[in-house]
Protein backbone atom coordinates (compact mmCIF):
# COMPACT_ATOMS: atom_id res chain seq x y z
CA MET A 1 197.45 178.36 132.12
CA THR A 2 197.63 175.17 134.15
CA LYS A 3 196.83 172.06 132.11
CA ILE A 4 195.24 169.00 133.68
CA ALA A 5 194.77 165.65 131.94
CA ILE A 6 191.79 163.52 132.83
CA ILE A 7 193.14 160.05 132.06
CA ILE A 8 190.72 157.24 131.24
CA GLY A 9 192.45 154.36 133.00
CA SER A 10 190.71 151.40 131.40
CA THR A 11 190.81 149.98 127.89
CA ARG A 12 188.30 147.24 128.60
CA PRO A 13 185.38 146.79 126.17
CA GLY A 14 182.18 148.11 127.77
CA ARG A 15 184.18 150.08 130.35
CA ASN A 16 182.47 152.56 132.68
CA GLY A 17 185.56 154.76 132.73
CA GLU A 18 184.76 156.74 129.62
CA ALA A 19 181.39 157.91 130.96
CA VAL A 20 182.97 158.72 134.33
CA ALA A 21 185.79 160.70 132.69
CA ARG A 22 183.36 162.66 130.50
CA TRP A 23 181.27 163.50 133.58
CA VAL A 24 184.40 164.76 135.38
CA HIS A 25 185.44 166.69 132.26
CA ASP A 26 181.99 168.34 132.03
CA ILE A 27 182.35 169.53 135.63
CA ALA A 28 185.95 170.63 135.09
CA THR A 29 185.32 172.68 131.95
CA LYS A 30 182.98 174.98 133.89
CA ARG A 31 186.07 176.22 135.72
CA GLN A 32 188.23 179.15 134.63
CA ASP A 33 191.42 178.31 136.56
CA ALA A 34 192.82 175.57 134.31
CA GLU A 35 192.49 173.78 130.99
CA PHE A 36 191.26 170.19 131.10
CA GLU A 37 191.74 167.53 128.44
CA LEU A 38 190.56 163.95 128.20
CA VAL A 39 193.38 161.47 127.58
CA ASP A 40 192.22 157.98 126.64
CA LEU A 41 194.70 155.13 126.99
CA LYS A 42 192.93 153.38 124.10
CA ASP A 43 194.16 156.11 121.74
CA PHE A 44 197.81 155.23 122.38
CA GLY A 45 197.72 151.48 121.80
CA LEU A 46 200.49 150.86 124.30
CA PRO A 47 201.57 147.21 124.30
CA PRO A 48 202.83 145.52 127.46
CA LEU A 49 205.91 147.50 128.44
CA ASP A 50 208.37 146.94 125.60
CA GLU A 51 211.14 149.47 126.20
CA VAL A 52 214.59 147.97 126.76
CA MET A 53 215.90 150.80 128.91
CA PRO A 54 214.32 151.68 132.27
CA ALA A 55 211.91 154.61 132.05
CA ALA A 56 214.10 156.68 134.38
CA MET A 57 216.74 156.77 131.63
CA GLY A 58 214.35 158.63 129.29
CA GLN A 59 215.71 156.75 126.26
CA TYR A 60 212.59 155.71 124.41
CA SER A 61 213.02 153.53 121.34
CA HIS A 62 209.41 153.17 120.16
CA PRO A 63 207.15 155.78 118.53
CA HIS A 64 204.24 154.81 120.82
CA THR A 65 206.38 155.58 123.88
CA ARG A 66 207.56 158.91 122.48
CA ALA A 67 203.96 159.94 121.68
CA TRP A 68 202.82 158.93 125.17
CA ALA A 69 205.77 160.77 126.75
CA GLU A 70 205.06 163.95 124.79
CA THR A 71 201.41 163.89 125.83
CA ILE A 72 202.06 163.26 129.53
CA ASP A 73 204.89 165.80 129.67
CA SER A 74 202.58 168.54 128.40
CA PHE A 75 200.43 168.56 131.56
CA ASP A 76 200.84 170.10 135.02
CA GLY A 77 198.64 167.55 136.72
CA TYR A 78 196.41 164.56 136.23
CA VAL A 79 193.08 163.15 137.26
CA PHE A 80 193.25 159.38 137.03
CA VAL A 81 189.88 157.76 136.37
CA THR A 82 190.37 154.19 137.49
CA PRO A 83 188.29 151.08 137.91
CA GLU A 84 189.05 148.65 140.69
CA TYR A 85 189.97 145.22 139.39
CA ASN A 86 190.93 142.62 142.01
CA HIS A 87 191.65 145.26 144.68
CA SER A 88 193.92 147.30 142.39
CA THR A 89 193.92 149.54 139.35
CA SER A 90 193.67 148.25 135.80
CA GLY A 91 196.69 146.58 134.25
CA ALA A 92 196.41 148.97 131.31
CA LEU A 93 196.78 152.04 133.55
CA LYS A 94 199.67 150.61 135.55
CA ASN A 95 201.40 149.62 132.31
CA ALA A 96 200.93 153.13 130.85
CA ILE A 97 202.31 154.73 134.01
CA ASP A 98 205.36 152.43 133.96
CA PHE A 99 206.36 153.48 130.43
CA LEU A 100 207.53 156.89 131.73
CA TYR A 101 209.33 158.50 134.63
CA ALA A 102 210.53 162.11 134.34
CA GLU A 103 207.39 163.17 132.48
CA TRP A 104 205.38 162.50 135.65
CA ASN A 105 207.78 164.19 138.13
CA ASN A 106 206.80 167.23 140.20
CA LYS A 107 203.19 167.30 139.14
CA ALA A 108 199.88 166.78 140.93
CA ALA A 109 197.39 163.95 140.77
CA GLY A 110 193.83 163.36 141.88
CA PHE A 111 191.73 160.24 141.61
CA VAL A 112 188.24 159.30 140.54
CA SER A 113 187.60 155.63 141.14
CA TYR A 114 184.70 153.28 140.71
CA GLY A 115 183.92 149.76 141.80
CA SER A 116 181.98 147.68 144.28
CA ALA A 117 183.80 149.41 147.14
CA GLY A 118 184.10 152.73 145.29
CA GLY A 119 187.47 151.78 143.81
CA THR A 120 189.28 152.96 146.92
CA ARG A 121 191.74 150.07 146.98
CA ALA A 122 192.81 150.86 143.41
CA VAL A 123 193.55 154.42 144.51
CA GLU A 124 195.58 153.26 147.48
CA HIS A 125 197.84 151.33 145.10
CA LEU A 126 198.10 154.30 142.76
CA ARG A 127 199.09 156.59 145.64
CA LEU A 128 202.12 154.35 146.31
CA VAL A 129 203.10 154.48 142.64
CA MET A 130 202.69 158.26 142.52
CA GLY A 131 205.05 158.65 145.48
CA GLU A 132 207.79 156.80 143.59
CA LEU A 133 207.22 159.04 140.55
CA GLN A 134 207.48 162.24 142.63
CA VAL A 135 203.83 163.10 141.99
CA ALA A 136 201.97 164.98 144.72
CA ASP A 137 198.69 163.15 145.10
CA VAL A 138 195.90 165.17 146.67
CA ARG A 139 193.77 164.09 149.61
CA ALA A 140 190.31 164.67 148.12
CA GLN A 141 189.16 161.75 146.03
CA VAL A 142 185.98 160.69 144.29
CA ALA A 143 184.82 157.13 144.99
CA LEU A 144 181.87 156.00 142.90
CA SER A 145 180.00 152.90 144.00
CA LEU A 146 178.71 150.53 141.36
CA PHE A 147 175.71 150.00 143.69
CA THR A 148 174.67 153.62 144.28
CA ASP A 149 176.27 155.76 141.55
CA PHE A 150 175.42 153.51 138.59
CA GLU A 151 172.18 152.02 137.34
CA HIS A 152 172.47 148.30 136.63
CA PHE A 153 176.21 148.61 137.36
CA SER A 154 176.82 150.21 133.97
CA VAL A 155 174.94 153.50 133.53
CA LEU A 156 176.52 156.40 135.40
CA ASN A 157 174.05 158.21 137.65
CA PRO A 158 176.17 159.73 140.43
CA ALA A 159 174.64 160.88 143.69
CA ALA A 160 174.23 164.65 143.90
CA HIS A 161 177.03 165.11 146.44
CA GLN A 162 179.58 163.59 144.06
CA GLU A 163 179.82 166.79 142.00
CA ASP A 164 180.98 168.65 145.12
CA THR A 165 183.55 165.92 145.70
CA VAL A 166 184.85 166.32 142.13
CA THR A 167 185.09 170.09 142.63
CA ALA A 168 187.06 169.68 145.87
CA MET A 169 189.47 167.24 144.20
CA LEU A 170 189.95 169.54 141.20
CA ASP A 171 190.57 172.51 143.50
CA GLN A 172 193.44 170.60 145.08
CA VAL A 173 194.90 169.25 141.80
CA VAL A 174 194.93 172.70 140.22
CA ALA A 175 196.46 174.33 143.32
CA TRP A 176 199.20 171.71 143.63
CA GLY A 177 199.83 171.68 139.88
CA GLU A 178 200.47 175.42 140.04
CA ALA A 179 202.51 175.25 143.27
CA LEU A 180 204.89 172.67 141.80
CA GLN A 181 205.64 174.66 138.64
CA PRO A 182 208.96 176.05 139.96
CA LEU A 183 210.24 172.50 140.45
CA ARG A 184 209.51 171.65 136.80
CA ARG A 185 211.63 174.46 135.38
């Protein structure tokens, strides 16, 4: 069965990303077409990129990199849950992405973002990165506004239509994750 990781892209204390990712996961687990798993960057304790060799070489010298690589390699696609910090994604997420190369290739990605402008600028940056990693990013995206989808900027309370947006994004990630399987063999 197709496996999709829902990656919590912030390690910041008091982050909104964990609640957002759990909400997406709750919607996703009602589906029968794929398995969904939460992947929290905090659980990996990745330092600033500390591998001597470029990720494209696949020669990882640290146990934290090998554990991260094994986890990421096990999925067919990803849903990146990202905040928008200074018109981009979090440094922690970009750092985690940069640790690896081949483990990302020929897979699918969708995005759930949040911020004052829905996190859309963070996603635009991530789309460029995904292209370099040979990841097919899907068109449908979820953009949560801190003004309308959160109470007091910190308690998730998404508008009713957002669940449909999550479903549309997941439909595309699962379909593309399956379609790209022959390229991963």
